[in-house]
Structure formats: C-alpha cells, structure tokens
Protein backbone atom coordinates (compact mmCIF):
# COMPACT_ATOMS: atom_id res chain seq x y z
CA MET A 1 0.00 0.00 0.00
CA THR A 2 1.51 3.35 -1.02
CA LEU A 3 1.71 6.38 1.28
CA GLU A 4 -0.88 8.07 -0.96
CA ASP A 5 -3.29 5.14 -0.60
CA PHE A 6 -2.67 5.03 3.13
CA SER A 7 -3.43 8.75 3.49
CA GLU A 8 -6.57 8.36 1.39
CA ALA A 9 -7.76 5.49 3.59
CA ILE A 10 -7.25 7.60 6.71
CA ALA A 11 -9.15 10.50 5.14
CA THR A 12 -12.00 8.21 4.11
CA ASN A 13 -12.33 6.76 7.58
CA ASN A 14 -12.09 10.17 9.25
CA ARG A 15 -15.08 11.47 7.34
CA PRO A 16 -18.06 11.69 9.69
CA LYS A 17 -20.43 8.78 9.24
CA ARG A 18 -24.19 9.31 9.25
CA GLN A 19 -25.94 8.72 12.56
CA ILE A 20 -27.85 5.47 12.54
CA GLY A 21 -31.62 6.00 12.62
CA MET A 22 -34.29 4.19 14.63
CA LEU A 23 -35.65 2.41 11.56
CA THR A 24 -32.21 0.92 10.85
CA ILE A 25 -31.81 -0.09 14.49
CA PHE A 26 -35.10 -1.99 14.35
CA ARG A 27 -34.04 -3.51 11.04
CA LEU A 28 -30.79 -4.72 12.64
CA GLY A 29 -32.89 -6.29 15.35
CA LEU A 30 -34.41 -8.66 12.80
CA PHE A 31 -31.21 -10.72 12.97
CA ASN A 32 -31.65 -11.21 16.71
CA LEU A 33 -35.34 -11.94 16.16
CA GLY A 34 -34.28 -14.85 13.96
CA LEU A 35 -31.82 -16.10 16.58
CA GLY A 36 -34.62 -15.95 19.16
CA LEU A 37 -36.81 -18.16 16.99
CA MET A 38 -33.94 -20.61 16.59
CA ALA A 39 -33.23 -20.60 20.33
CA VAL A 40 -36.78 -21.73 21.08
CA LEU A 41 -36.41 -24.52 18.53
CA THR A 42 -33.10 -25.86 19.80
CA LEU A 43 -33.28 -25.33 23.56
CA ALA A 44 -37.00 -25.24 24.37
CA VAL A 45 -38.74 -27.64 22.01
CA LEU A 46 -35.93 -30.15 21.51
CA ASN A 47 -34.93 -30.51 25.15
CA ARG A 48 -38.57 -31.04 26.20
CA VAL A 49 -39.14 -33.61 23.44
CA MET A 50 -35.88 -35.47 24.16
CA ILE A 51 -36.33 -35.63 27.95
CA SER A 52 -40.09 -35.94 28.45
CA GLU A 53 -41.28 -37.61 25.24
CA LEU A 54 -38.36 -39.73 24.03
CA GLY A 55 -37.08 -40.73 27.48
CA ILE A 56 -33.50 -39.57 26.94
CA PRO A 57 -31.79 -38.74 30.30
CA ALA A 58 -31.48 -35.02 31.13
CA THR A 59 -27.69 -35.34 31.48
CA ILE A 60 -27.38 -36.79 27.96
CA THR A 61 -29.80 -34.22 26.52
CA GLY A 62 -28.10 -31.30 28.26
CA GLY A 63 -24.67 -32.51 27.19
CA ILE A 64 -25.67 -32.90 23.55
CA LEU A 65 -27.38 -29.52 23.34
CA ALA A 66 -24.49 -27.87 25.18
CA THR A 67 -22.04 -29.12 22.53
CA SER A 68 -23.12 -26.18 20.37
CA LEU A 69 -21.79 -23.86 23.06
CA PHE A 70 -18.59 -25.72 23.88
CA VAL A 71 -17.14 -24.78 20.47
CA SER A 72 -17.39 -21.12 21.46
CA PRO A 73 -13.59 -20.55 21.60
CA ALA A 74 -14.07 -20.19 17.84
CA ARG A 75 -15.75 -16.85 18.59
CA VAL A 76 -12.38 -15.23 19.29
CA GLY A 77 -11.08 -16.53 15.97
CA PHE A 78 -14.15 -15.38 14.03
CA GLY A 79 -13.95 -11.99 15.71
CA GLN A 80 -10.31 -11.60 14.75
CA LEU A 81 -10.99 -12.85 11.22
CA SER A 82 -13.76 -10.29 10.77
CA ASP A 83 -11.32 -7.57 11.87
CA ASN A 84 -8.65 -8.53 9.35
CA LYS A 85 -10.02 -10.87 6.65
CA PRO A 86 -13.10 -9.44 4.91
CA ILE A 87 -15.31 -11.73 2.79
CA LEU A 88 -16.06 -10.12 -0.58
CA GLY A 89 -15.09 -6.72 0.80
CA LYS A 90 -17.27 -6.91 3.95
CA HIS A 91 -15.72 -7.30 7.41
CA ARG A 92 -18.94 -8.21 9.23
CA THR A 93 -21.97 -8.70 6.96
CA ASN A 94 -20.88 -11.75 4.98
CA TYR A 95 -19.66 -13.56 8.10
CA VAL A 96 -23.15 -13.03 9.55
CA LEU A 97 -24.85 -14.48 6.47
CA LEU A 98 -22.45 -17.44 6.13
CA GLY A 99 -22.90 -18.39 9.78
CA THR A 100 -26.68 -18.11 9.56
CA ALA A 101 -26.80 -20.48 6.58
CA ILE A 102 -24.63 -23.03 8.45
CA LEU A 103 -26.69 -22.98 11.64
CA GLY A 104 -29.96 -23.33 9.70
CA LEU A 105 -28.79 -26.42 7.86
CA ALA A 106 -27.33 -27.94 11.03
CA VAL A 107 -30.48 -27.56 13.11
CA PHE A 108 -32.58 -29.24 10.40
CA LEU A 109 -30.17 -32.21 10.28
CA ALA A 110 -30.15 -32.42 14.09
CA VAL A 111 -33.90 -33.05 14.20
CA GLN A 112 -33.62 -35.94 11.76
CA VAL A 113 -30.94 -37.57 13.94
CA ILE A 114 -33.10 -37.07 17.06
CA TRP A 115 -35.86 -39.15 15.45
CA GLN A 116 -33.37 -41.94 14.80
CA LEU A 117 -32.16 -41.81 18.40
CA GLY A 118 -35.76 -41.75 19.65
CA ALA A 119 -36.63 -44.79 17.55
CA VAL A 120 -33.73 -46.75 19.09
CA VAL A 121 -34.83 -45.79 22.63
CA GLU A 122 -38.43 -46.75 21.84
CA THR A 123 -37.39 -50.13 20.41
CA SER A 124 -35.20 -50.84 23.46
CA GLY A 125 -38.06 -50.01 25.84
CA GLY A 126 -36.10 -47.18 27.43
CA TRP A 127 -32.65 -45.61 27.44
CA GLN A 128 -29.80 -48.11 27.26
CA TRP A 129 -26.09 -47.66 26.55
CA ASN A 130 -25.34 -49.56 23.37
CA SER A 131 -23.60 -49.03 20.03
CA GLN A 132 -26.70 -47.46 18.45
CA THR A 133 -27.46 -44.94 21.20
CA ILE A 134 -23.77 -44.01 21.47
CA GLY A 135 -23.43 -43.66 17.68
CA TRP A 136 -26.54 -41.52 17.18
CA SER A 137 -25.71 -39.41 20.26
CA ALA A 138 -22.19 -38.77 18.97
CA LEU A 139 -23.49 -37.80 15.53
CA LEU A 140 -26.06 -35.49 17.10
CA GLY A 141 -23.33 -33.91 19.24
CA LEU A 142 -21.19 -33.33 16.12
CA ILE A 143 -24.10 -31.66 14.29
CA MET A 144 -24.81 -29.45 17.30
CA ALA A 145 -21.11 -28.48 17.34
CA ILE A 146 -21.43 -27.39 13.69
CA TYR A 147 -24.56 -25.46 14.67
CA GLY A 148 -22.50 -23.75 17.38
CA LEU A 149 -19.80 -22.79 14.86
CA GLY A 150 -22.51 -21.24 12.68
CA VAL A 151 -23.77 -19.22 15.65
CA SER A 152 -20.21 -18.10 16.46
CA CYS A 153 -19.55 -17.13 12.84
CA SER A 154 -22.71 -15.01 12.67
CA SER A 155 -23.32 -13.54 16.12
CA THR A 156 -19.79 -12.35 16.96
CA PRO A 157 -19.34 -10.25 13.77
CA PHE A 158 -22.93 -9.00 14.19
CA THR A 159 -22.30 -7.75 17.73
CA THR A 160 -19.01 -6.24 16.55
CA LEU A 161 -20.93 -4.44 13.81
CA LEU A 162 -22.99 -2.77 16.53
CA VAL A 163 -19.78 -1.41 18.05
CA ASP A 164 -18.63 -0.23 14.61
CA ILE A 165 -21.77 1.78 13.86
CA THR A 166 -22.47 3.50 17.20
CA GLU A 167 -20.91 5.85 19.70
CA GLU A 168 -20.66 4.88 23.36
CA SER A 169 -23.34 7.36 24.46
CA ARG A 170 -25.98 5.74 22.22
CA ARG A 171 -25.24 2.08 22.87
CA SER A 172 -27.57 1.44 25.80
CA LYS A 173 -30.57 2.35 23.63
CA LEU A 174 -29.23 0.31 20.72
CA VAL A 175 -28.72 -2.69 23.00
CA ALA A 176 -32.22 -2.30 24.45
CA ILE A 177 -33.86 -2.33 21.01
CA VAL A 178 -31.73 -4.95 19.25
CA TRP A 179 -31.83 -7.39 22.17
CA SER A 180 -35.55 -6.71 22.61
CA MET A 181 -35.96 -8.11 19.11
CA LEU A 182 -34.23 -11.29 20.32
CA MET A 183 -36.97 -11.64 22.90
CA VAL A 184 -39.64 -10.87 20.31
CA GLY A 185 -38.30 -13.86 18.39
CA ILE A 186 -38.50 -16.01 21.52
CA VAL A 187 -42.07 -14.87 22.18
CA ILE A 188 -43.09 -15.57 18.58
CA GLY A 189 -41.33 -18.93 18.73
CA GLY A 190 -43.12 -19.84 21.95
CA VAL A 191 -46.54 -18.88 20.60
CA THR A 192 -45.88 -20.63 17.28
CA GLY A 193 -44.73 -23.77 19.05
CA SER A 194 -47.86 -23.72 21.18
CA ILE A 195 -50.08 -23.47 18.08
CA VAL A 196 -48.21 -26.22 16.22
CA PHE A 197 -48.53 -28.64 19.14
CA LYS A 198 -52.25 -27.93 19.55
CA LYS A 199 -52.90 -30.85 17.19
CA ILE A 200 -51.23 -33.16 19.67
CA GLU A 201 -53.26 -31.76 22.57
CA VAL A 202 -56.51 -32.07 20.62
CA ALA A 203 -55.69 -35.69 19.92
CA GLY A 204 -55.94 -36.23 23.67
CA ILE A 205 -52.48 -37.72 24.08
CA SER A 206 -50.96 -36.93 27.48
CA ALA A 207 -47.47 -35.50 27.84
CA GLY A 208 -44.81 -38.16 28.15
CA ASN A 209 -46.77 -40.68 26.08
CA ILE A 210 -46.65 -39.10 22.62
CA PRO A 211 -45.50 -41.59 19.97
CA LEU A 212 -42.85 -40.67 17.40
CA GLU A 213 -45.27 -40.81 14.46
CA THR A 214 -47.40 -38.13 16.14
CA LEU A 215 -44.46 -35.89 17.07
CA GLN A 216 -42.63 -35.95 13.76
CA PRO A 217 -45.00 -34.16 11.31
CA PRO A 218 -45.54 -30.89 13.28
CA ILE A 219 -41.94 -30.63 14.43
CA ASN A 220 -40.51 -31.42 10.99
CA SER A 221 -42.71 -28.74 9.42
CA VAL A 222 -41.37 -26.10 11.82
CA PHE A 223 -37.73 -27.12 11.44
CA SER A 224 -38.05 -27.16 7.65
CA PHE A 225 -39.40 -23.60 7.39
CA VAL A 226 -37.76 -21.55 10.14
CA PRO A 227 -34.09 -21.88 8.99
CA PHE A 228 -35.01 -20.23 5.65
CA LEU A 229 -36.91 -17.52 7.51
CA VAL A 230 -33.94 -16.83 9.80
CA LEU A 231 -31.56 -16.48 6.83
CA ALA A 232 -33.98 -14.07 5.12
CA LEU A 233 -34.19 -11.97 8.30
CA ALA A 234 -30.38 -11.84 8.56
CA LEU A 235 -30.14 -10.62 4.96
CA ILE A 236 -32.74 -7.88 5.50
CA ALA A 237 -31.17 -6.86 8.82
CA THR A 238 -27.63 -6.31 7.52
CA TRP A 239 -28.28 -5.10 3.96
CA GLY A 240 -26.18 -1.97 3.32
CA VAL A 241 -25.61 -1.17 7.00
CA GLU A 242 -21.86 -1.83 7.12
CA LYS A 243 -21.05 0.26 4.05
CA LYS A 244 -23.21 3.19 5.13
CA TYR A 245 -22.61 3.45 8.88
CA SER A 246 -19.50 1.51 9.95
CA ARG A 247 -16.71 3.51 11.57
CA PHE A 248 -14.38 0.52 11.47
CA SER A 249 -11.13 1.40 9.67
CA SER A 250 -11.52 -1.28 7.02
CA GLY A 251 -9.50 0.58 4.42
CA ILE A 252 -6.44 0.55 6.63
CA GLN A 253 -6.72 -2.78 8.45
CA SER A 254 -7.58 -4.96 5.50
CA ASP A 255 -4.84 -3.73 3.22
CA ARG A 256 -1.89 -3.20 5.52
CA ASP A 257 0.64 -5.95 6.04
CA ASP A 258 0.97 -4.99 9.71
CA SER A 259 -2.64 -5.61 10.72
CA ILE A 260 -2.97 -6.98 14.24
CA SER A 261 -2.46 -10.76 14.34
CA LEU A 262 -4.44 -13.11 16.58
CA ASN A 263 -1.45 -13.51 18.93
CA ARG A 264 -1.08 -9.74 19.23
CA ALA A 265 -4.82 -9.34 19.80
CA LEU A 266 -4.71 -11.96 22.57
CA GLN A 267 -1.84 -10.02 24.16
CA ILE A 268 -4.07 -6.95 24.27
CA LEU A 269 -6.88 -9.04 25.79
CA SER A 270 -4.64 -10.28 28.59
CA THR A 271 -3.05 -6.93 29.49
CA SER A 272 -5.76 -5.47 31.72
CA ARG A 273 -6.80 -7.30 34.87
CA GLN A 274 -10.25 -5.89 34.19
CA THR A 275 -10.56 -8.24 31.22
CA GLY A 276 -10.22 -11.23 33.55
CA ILE A 277 -12.55 -9.74 36.15
CA PHE A 278 -15.29 -8.99 33.66
CA PHE A 279 -14.80 -12.37 31.93
CA THR A 280 -15.40 -14.05 35.31
CA PHE A 281 -18.44 -11.90 36.08
CA LEU A 282 -19.96 -12.50 32.65
CA SER A 283 -19.40 -16.25 33.00
CA LEU A 284 -21.07 -16.45 36.41
CA LEU A 285 -23.94 -14.22 35.29
CA THR A 286 -24.58 -16.42 32.25
CA ILE A 287 -24.44 -19.66 34.25
CA SER A 288 -26.97 -18.29 36.72
CA LEU A 289 -29.36 -17.02 34.05
CA PHE A 290 -29.35 -20.16 31.90
CA MET A 291 -28.90 -23.19 34.15
CA GLN A 292 -32.67 -23.71 34.10
CA GLU A 293 -32.76 -23.62 30.29
CA ALA A 294 -32.75 -27.41 29.88
CA VAL A 295 -35.04 -28.08 32.85
CA LEU A 296 -37.74 -25.38 32.89
CA GLU A 297 -40.03 -27.08 30.36
CA PRO A 298 -39.68 -30.53 31.99
CA TYR A 299 -40.35 -28.76 35.35
CA GLY A 300 -43.66 -27.50 33.95
CA GLY A 301 -44.47 -30.96 32.61
CA GLU A 302 -43.57 -33.09 35.64
CA VAL A 303 -44.49 -30.80 38.53
CA PHE A 304 -47.38 -28.80 37.05
CA GLY A 305 -48.75 -31.37 34.56
CA MET A 306 -48.49 -28.90 31.67
CA SER A 307 -48.67 -30.02 28.02
CA ILE A 308 -45.88 -29.47 25.45
CA GLY A 309 -47.75 -26.43 24.08
CA GLN A 310 -48.08 -24.91 27.56
CA THR A 311 -44.44 -25.47 28.51
CA THR A 312 -43.26 -24.09 25.16
CA GLN A 313 -45.35 -21.01 25.88
CA LEU A 314 -43.36 -20.42 29.07
CA ASN A 315 -40.75 -18.96 26.72
CA SER A 316 -43.31 -16.36 25.69
CA TYR A 317 -43.88 -15.26 29.30
CA TRP A 318 -40.13 -15.13 29.87
CA GLY A 319 -39.65 -13.24 26.61
CA MET A 320 -42.43 -10.73 27.36
CA GLY A 321 -40.86 -10.12 30.77
CA ILE A 322 -37.46 -9.51 29.23
CA LEU A 323 -38.99 -7.12 26.70
CA LEU A 324 -40.42 -5.07 29.56
CA GLY A 325 -37.08 -5.19 31.36
CA TYR A 326 -35.20 -4.13 28.24
CA SER A 327 -37.56 -1.23 27.53
CA PHE A 328 -37.32 0.31 30.99
CA THR A 329 -33.60 -0.35 31.38
CA GLY A 330 -32.20 1.07 28.15
CA PHE A 331 -34.29 4.22 28.14
CA LEU A 332 -34.94 4.96 31.83
CA ILE A 333 -32.96 2.98 34.40
CA ILE A 334 -29.42 3.14 32.92
CA PRO A 335 -29.63 6.91 32.18
CA ALA A 336 -30.74 7.44 35.80
CA LEU A 337 -28.55 4.95 37.70
CA GLY A 338 -25.65 4.09 35.38
CA LYS A 339 -24.70 0.77 33.84
CA LYS A 340 -22.92 -0.87 36.77
CA LEU A 341 -25.53 -0.08 39.45
CA THR A 342 -28.33 -1.13 37.09
CA THR A 343 -26.61 -4.46 36.48
CA LYS A 344 -26.13 -5.03 40.21
CA ILE A 345 -29.78 -4.33 41.03
CA GLY A 346 -30.85 -6.66 38.22
CA CYS A 347 -28.65 -9.46 39.59
CA ILE A 348 -30.16 -9.13 43.07
CA LEU A 349 -33.71 -9.27 41.68
CA VAL A 350 -32.90 -12.31 39.52
CA ALA A 351 -31.68 -14.22 42.60
CA LEU A 352 -34.97 -13.45 44.36
CA CYS A 353 -36.97 -14.64 41.35
CA PHE A 354 -35.47 -18.11 41.57
CA GLY A 355 -37.06 -18.31 45.01
CA LEU A 356 -40.42 -17.42 43.44
CA ILE A 357 -40.04 -20.18 40.82
CA ILE A 358 -39.41 -22.71 43.61
CA ALA A 359 -42.38 -21.39 45.63
CA ALA A 360 -44.64 -21.71 42.58
CA GLY A 361 -43.88 -25.45 42.52
CA PHE A 362 -45.46 -25.93 45.94
CA THR A 363 -48.74 -24.50 44.63
CA GLN A 364 -48.67 -26.71 41.47
CA GLN A 365 -50.68 -23.95 39.78
CA PRO A 366 -49.48 -23.25 36.18
CA LYS A 367 -50.52 -19.59 36.48
CA MET A 368 -48.16 -19.13 39.43
CA LEU A 369 -45.30 -20.56 37.40
CA GLN A 370 -46.20 -18.30 34.48
CA LEU A 371 -46.16 -15.26 36.79
CA ALA A 372 -42.82 -16.27 38.32
CA VAL A 373 -41.30 -16.78 34.85
CA LEU A 374 -42.65 -13.37 33.74
CA LEU A 375 -41.01 -11.66 36.74
CA PHE A 376 -37.80 -13.62 36.12
CA GLY A 377 -37.87 -12.30 32.56
CA ILE A 378 -38.24 -8.68 33.69
CA THR A 379 -35.31 -8.93 36.11
CA ALA A 380 -33.20 -10.86 33.58
CA GLY A 381 -33.92 -8.07 31.07
CA ILE A 382 -32.62 -5.44 33.46
CA THR A 383 -29.50 -7.50 34.15
CA THR A 384 -28.86 -8.31 30.49
CA VAL A 385 -29.08 -4.75 29.16
CA GLY A 386 -26.85 -3.52 31.98
CA GLY A 387 -24.34 -6.32 31.40
CA ILE A 388 -24.23 -5.97 27.61
CA SER A 389 -23.85 -2.19 27.88
CA LEU A 390 -20.89 -2.73 30.21
CA MET A 391 -19.54 -5.34 27.78
CA LEU A 392 -19.57 -2.93 24.84
CA ASP A 393 -17.80 -0.30 26.98
CA LEU A 394 -15.14 -2.90 27.79
CA THR A 395 -14.25 -3.27 24.10
CA ALA A 396 -11.29 -1.64 22.36
CA ALA A 397 -12.37 -0.22 18.98
CA LYS A 398 -9.18 -1.22 17.14
CA THR A 399 -9.66 -4.89 18.06
CA ALA A 400 -13.43 -4.88 18.54
CA GLY A 401 -13.91 -8.25 16.85
CA THR A 402 -11.43 -9.95 19.17
CA PHE A 403 -12.92 -8.41 22.32
CA ILE A 404 -16.49 -9.24 21.29
CA GLY A 405 -15.24 -12.75 20.53
CA ALA A 406 -13.80 -12.98 24.06
CA TRP A 407 -17.02 -11.80 25.68
CA GLY A 408 -18.97 -14.13 23.39
CA LEU A 409 -16.66 -16.96 24.48
CA ALA A 410 -17.44 -16.23 28.14
CA GLN A 411 -21.17 -16.22 27.47
CA ALA A 412 -21.31 -19.25 25.19
CA MET A 413 -19.01 -21.50 27.23
CA SER A 414 -20.86 -20.56 30.39
CA ARG A 415 -24.22 -21.13 28.74
CA GLY A 416 -22.99 -24.54 27.59
CA LEU A 417 -21.82 -25.38 31.11
CA ALA A 418 -25.10 -24.08 32.50
CA THR A 419 -27.18 -26.24 30.15
CA PHE A 420 -25.08 -29.32 30.89
CA PHE A 421 -24.88 -28.86 34.67
CA GLY A 422 -28.58 -28.03 34.83
CA GLY A 423 -29.29 -31.52 33.47
CA VAL A 424 -26.64 -33.15 35.71
CA ILE A 425 -27.93 -31.45 38.87
CA LEU A 426 -31.49 -32.45 37.96
CA ASP A 427 -30.49 -36.10 37.55
CA ILE A 428 -28.56 -35.98 40.86
CA GLY A 429 -31.58 -34.42 42.54
CA LYS A 430 -33.87 -37.12 41.15
CA GLY A 431 -31.48 -39.75 42.47
CA MET A 432 -31.45 -38.17 45.94
CA PHE A 433 -35.12 -37.24 46.29
CA ASP A 434 -38.31 -39.08 45.38
CA VAL A 435 -40.23 -35.80 44.97
CA PRO A 436 -39.60 -34.16 41.53
CA LEU A 437 -40.23 -30.68 42.96
CA ILE A 438 -37.25 -30.97 45.32
CA ALA A 439 -34.98 -32.16 42.49
CA TYR A 440 -35.92 -29.20 40.30
CA SER A 441 -35.70 -26.79 43.24
CA LEU A 442 -32.08 -27.85 43.73
CA VAL A 443 -31.27 -26.48 40.25
CA PHE A 444 -32.97 -23.13 40.94
CA ALA A 445 -31.36 -22.76 44.39
CA ILE A 446 -27.87 -23.27 42.94
CA GLN A 447 -28.65 -20.66 40.27
CA ALA A 448 -29.46 -18.13 42.99
CA ALA A 449 -26.18 -18.92 44.80
CA VAL A 450 -24.15 -18.43 41.60
CA MET A 451 -25.85 -15.06 41.01
CA VAL A 452 -24.83 -13.89 44.49
CA LEU A 453 -21.22 -14.77 43.64
CA ALA A 454 -21.52 -12.79 40.37
CA ILE A 455 -22.63 -9.73 42.35
CA VAL A 456 -19.47 -9.95 44.47
CA ILE A 457 -17.27 -10.04 41.34
CA LEU A 458 -19.20 -7.14 39.73
CA ASP A 459 -18.04 -4.78 42.50
CA SER A 460 -14.46 -5.07 41.14
CA VAL A 461 -15.34 -4.10 37.54
CA ASP A 462 -13.83 -0.70 36.57
CA VAL A 463 -14.41 0.55 33.02
CA GLN A 464 -11.95 3.46 33.27
CA GLU A 465 -9.12 1.21 34.44
CA PHE A 466 -9.82 -1.10 31.50
CA LYS A 467 -9.69 1.78 29.00
CA ASP A 468 -6.44 3.14 30.38
CA ASN A 469 -4.63 -0.22 30.39
CA THR A 470 -5.95 -1.36 27.01
CA SER A 471 -5.06 1.93 25.33
CA LYS A 472 -1.45 1.58 26.51
CA ALA A 473 -1.31 -2.06 25.44
CA LEU A 474 -2.70 -1.24 21.99
CA SER A 475 -0.10 1.47 21.48
CA THR A 476 2.68 -0.90 22.49
CA VAL A 477 1.49 -3.68 20.19
CA MET A 478 1.05 -1.33 17.24
CA GLU A 479 4.55 0.06 17.79
CA GLY A 480 5.92 -3.48 17.95
CA ASP A 481 4.12 -4.42 14.72
CA LEU A 482 5.48 -1.34 12.93
CA ASP A 483 9.01 -1.87 14.24
CA GLY A 484 8.94 -5.58 13.41
C-alpha cells in the first residue's frame, strides 16, 4: 500500500459517518429476532421432546445440546478474522450471512438424527447404553457443534458491527432495542410452538406418552421452514448497513501488512486485569441465568402437569418479561442509575426470582409458574441490558472483533456449562429425592447462589481502568508491529 493510498484510507475513515436512525436499528434487530426463533427450537422444544417424550436422560440431553456452546472458543477466531479478513469486501456482513446459513442447515439435520435416536430408545423399551445410542448421540453432538460454529460465525461479527456503527453514548438504547428483538423472536417462537402442538393436545395424548409418528410431522414442518426464515431476516437486517454506517477502519486494516495478528490481539486481551474480572463476572452471570434452560419445560411438565404447548409457551412469558425489562432499562434505568448499578440491582432481583419459581412449585398452579417466569424475565432483562452495555464499553475499537469474541466466548461457554450442569444437577436431585419438585428446586437454588457470587465479582469491575490499560497495550502492540 503506497503512502498516498494510506493517506486516502485515513481520510475516508475520518469522514463523519451518518448517525444510525431508529428504523435501521429496528431492522438490525431482525437478525436477533431470527436467533430468538432458533433458540426456542433448539433449547426449548428439543430438550422437552428429548427428555419428556423420548425418554433420553437429562444429562445426555443437556450434554448434547451444550455441545453447540462448547465450540465457542471459535468466537475469538471469528472476531479476529472479521477484523482482518473481509469476505467479498465486507468485514462483518458476509460472516453473519455465512454463519446463519450453516446454523440453519445444522439444526434441520439435528432433528432428523433425534428421530433416529428416539426410535432406538423406543425399540429398546427405554434408554440403554449400546452401540446405536452411542453412535446416534455422537453424531447429534457433532451436528450441534457445527450449529455452534454457525452461531459463532454469525453472532460475533454481528455484535461487533454494533460497536462499529455507534458511539458509546448511544449504545444502551441500541442494546435495548436490538436485544428486545431477540426476545420478540422467543415470544413468537413460543406462541408458534404452542399453536403447532395444539394438534397433539386435541388428539388427547398426554405428555410423556406421545408416539414418534405423532411428534414428527408438526416438528418437521417447523424445522423445515424456520431456517429459511432466519436467513432471510439476517439478509434484510444487515443489507447496506456496514457500508453506510460503519466507523471501522476497514480501508487501513484490511490492506496493511501490519494488521494486528491473533497472537497480538490476545496479548491486548490479557493486558488489563479488568478483562479477567469482567470475563469471570460474565461467566457467572450467564451460568446463573441459563442453568434452568434445559429443565424449565420438563419442570412444567412433571411438577405442574403442563402439556408441550403450555411449557413451550413459558418462553413467551419469559420473553415478554425480558422485553419489559429491556424497555425500561435502556431508556430509563441506565440513564438514571448508570450501567454498573443497574446491572447489580438486576442481579439481586434475579436471585430473588429463583425463590419465586421454587415457591410456585409448591402450589402446582401453572398460572403461578407463568407469573414467576414473567417476573424472572423482567429482572433478567434489566440484568442483560446492563451487562451488555458494560460489555460494549469494555471493548477496544481497534480490536473490537477480538474483544467481542472474548465476551462471546465467556457467554457461550458458560451457557454450555449451565445447560449441561442443569441436566446433571437435575439427575442428581432425582437420584437423591423421590419428589420431583425438590430435584428441580435444587437447580434453581444453585442458580441463585451463583448469582450472588456474580454480584461480588461485579463490584471489582472498573471501566476506566480497562480503557487506560488497554489503550497503553494497543499502542505498544502497534509500535511493535510497525518496528517488526
């Protein structure tokens, strides 16, 4: 690259970019809406079907579904790639679309393997360890890992794009809207799932006794259509946004020979102790919020006697609660209290809500569970917007992809551990106690304890210290790259 070209690139990137409008922000949210739909499919419908209807142990189910999250170290790599290796001239957009196509295909294939595994369990008269169950479980785990790579490839560059197109002062509102759309997707997915499974309820077949031939047609129809819908939403969401609004210095970083390597980027990540502190906080927060993900629907089925449609709809109550939490937090609570205090209050309220979910079990009234899940959603919304706003502040612009990849790694690995350990703790609880309510309550009580630990770690988070240390580290690395 000549000095003239280099100067021109700097001039181009120094030109003020247009401020992103509300319509574009809502359009960006369509990508998260699609991910919300997919989340209901993979972690709400499938885990309920596998545990309650096909008789696959919760530990096996949780472990298989969590495989998609255990490949999350790839997020750091995808983040760094999107910083330095554009696809067809786009640093973020085409990674988003490629990843979305991969995850859509993987989730469709996963359902077909689940039917094969279910057929083996049905033929054997229950779960047994044999070559067939091991083989189908391993294949399903591999497909879910590919699904996880697709999510990493799409969501990390997408979140990085949000950093590229906004200033720090506007991010809390952007986060509130874009992540609200994620919950809209979950709500729509929950309602849609409830409608689809109405046919099963009308047939008068009780939960836990639904044969494969009855389950397959409605579930196959959903999993055949939604992946195409999600890809279409991703395309609409990102069309033209990067070119028009991105402040990322693509002209310089993509063409220079001294762009920051992955090793150098990891050096920057490890320089500030705040990176480690926030990584720990984010991990604990995620574990606490999502440990119930693989057990909430079975909880509704076993303790409350709810149908598949009713337990799937729990996601709608949770999603509506989060939408309320997002709305108040991004526009009212954070501007009044600040990001850190808002996050802390949200964490305290979430811990209390786990107590409400346990208490609802003693009433065995579905409406009490629905109310508890709604309140849990509201408090989780407050916590999530506060936490994500802090996360985006703890991101260095020059290596945004790598930092977002690191935070994504913390969230995804922790969510994978949460999903897996939720199933393990449930199975341990069932082995220790004859009453299902006590077994499920053990999961929720541990979630509350983990959230209290997250609150303790949050007190040590300091955004200004992070910015000071990372700025110095970035200067040092850039000087080393230029000198080398």
